[in-house]
Amino acid sequence: MINFDEEIQKFEPSPEIEQAEDVINNNDLTDISDILKELLKDKLD
């Protein structure tokens, strides 16, 4: 049977996942909410 406590103690996150998190968090990407805000701002001005 699997000892989950033991397995969690041995767990090490994948370096690729940490790199992907850094790239995703550091990118300033425009999403639909940013576009809608800009359109509404232009409409109200």
C-alpha atoms as a PDB file:
ATOM      1  CA  MET A   1       0.000   0.000   0.000  1.00  0.00           C
ATOM      2  CA  ILE A   2       1.180   3.550  -0.753  1.00  0.00           C
ATOM      3  CA  ASN A   3       2.311   5.646   2.191  1.00  0.00           C
ATOM      4  CA  PHE A   4       1.182   9.094   1.065  1.00  0.00           C
ATOM      5  CA  ASP A   5       3.008  10.963   3.833  1.00  0.00           C
ATOM      6  CA  GLU A   6       6.277   9.337   2.791  1.00  0.00           C
ATOM      7  CA  GLU A   7       5.652  10.052  -0.888  1.00  0.00           C
ATOM      8  CA  ILE A   8       4.866  13.724  -0.199  1.00  0.00           C
ATOM      9  CA  GLN A   9       8.140  14.092   1.723  1.00  0.00           C
ATOM     10  CA  LYS A  10      10.032  12.760  -1.322  1.00  0.00           C
ATOM     11  CA  PHE A  11       8.180  15.040  -3.749  1.00  0.00           C
ATOM     12  CA  GLU A  12      10.231  17.563  -5.730  1.00  0.00           C
ATOM     13  CA  PRO A  13       8.481  19.831  -8.235  1.00  0.00           C
ATOM     14  CA  SER A  14       9.565  19.570 -11.832  1.00  0.00           C
ATOM     15  CA  PRO A  15      11.937  22.405 -12.838  1.00  0.00           C
ATOM     16  CA  GLU A  16      10.036  22.788 -16.123  1.00  0.00           C
ATOM     17  CA  ILE A  17       6.844  23.592 -14.217  1.00  0.00           C
ATOM     18  CA  GLU A  18       8.587  26.260 -12.162  1.00  0.00           C
ATOM     19  CA  GLN A  19      10.077  27.781 -15.328  1.00  0.00           C
ATOM     20  CA  ALA A  20       6.660  27.786 -16.978  1.00  0.00           C
ATOM     21  CA  GLU A  21       5.148  29.511 -13.932  1.00  0.00           C
ATOM     22  CA  ASP A  22       7.809  32.229 -14.108  1.00  0.00           C
ATOM     23  CA  VAL A  23       7.194  32.817 -17.814  1.00  0.00           C
ATOM     24  CA  ILE A  24       3.417  32.912 -17.390  1.00  0.00           C
ATOM     25  CA  ASN A  25       3.500  35.215 -14.361  1.00  0.00           C
ATOM     26  CA  ASN A  26       6.041  37.607 -15.898  1.00  0.00           C
ATOM     27  CA  ASN A  27       4.205  38.092 -19.212  1.00  0.00           C
ATOM     28  CA  ASP A  28       1.865  41.023 -19.486  1.00  0.00           C
ATOM     29  CA  LEU A  29      -0.697  39.481 -21.798  1.00  0.00           C
ATOM     30  CA  THR A  30      -3.821  41.242 -22.987  1.00  0.00           C
ATOM     31  CA  ASP A  31      -6.956  39.240 -22.307  1.00  0.00           C
ATOM     32  CA  ILE A  32     -10.600  39.822 -23.138  1.00  0.00           C
ATOM     33  CA  SER A  33     -11.228  41.790 -19.941  1.00  0.00           C
ATOM     34  CA  ASP A  34      -8.413  44.219 -20.861  1.00  0.00           C
ATOM     35  CA  ILE A  35      -9.922  44.676 -24.324  1.00  0.00           C
ATOM     36  CA  LEU A  36     -13.401  45.276 -22.919  1.00  0.00           C
ATOM     37  CA  LYS A  37     -12.072  47.823 -20.413  1.00  0.00           C
ATOM     38  CA  GLU A  38     -10.321  49.692 -23.190  1.00  0.00           C
ATOM     39  CA  LEU A  39     -13.430  49.692 -25.383  1.00  0.00           C
ATOM     40  CA  LEU A  40     -15.611  50.932 -22.529  1.00  0.00           C
ATOM     41  CA  LYS A  41     -13.098  53.610 -21.605  1.00  0.00           C
ATOM     42  CA  ASP A  42     -13.042  54.855 -25.203  1.00  0.00           C
ATOM     43  CA  LYS A  43     -16.852  54.805 -25.334  1.00  0.00           C
ATOM     44  CA  LEU A  44     -17.228  56.813 -22.110  1.00  0.00           C
ATOM     45  CA  ASP A  45     -14.608  59.446 -23.041  1.00  0.00           C
END
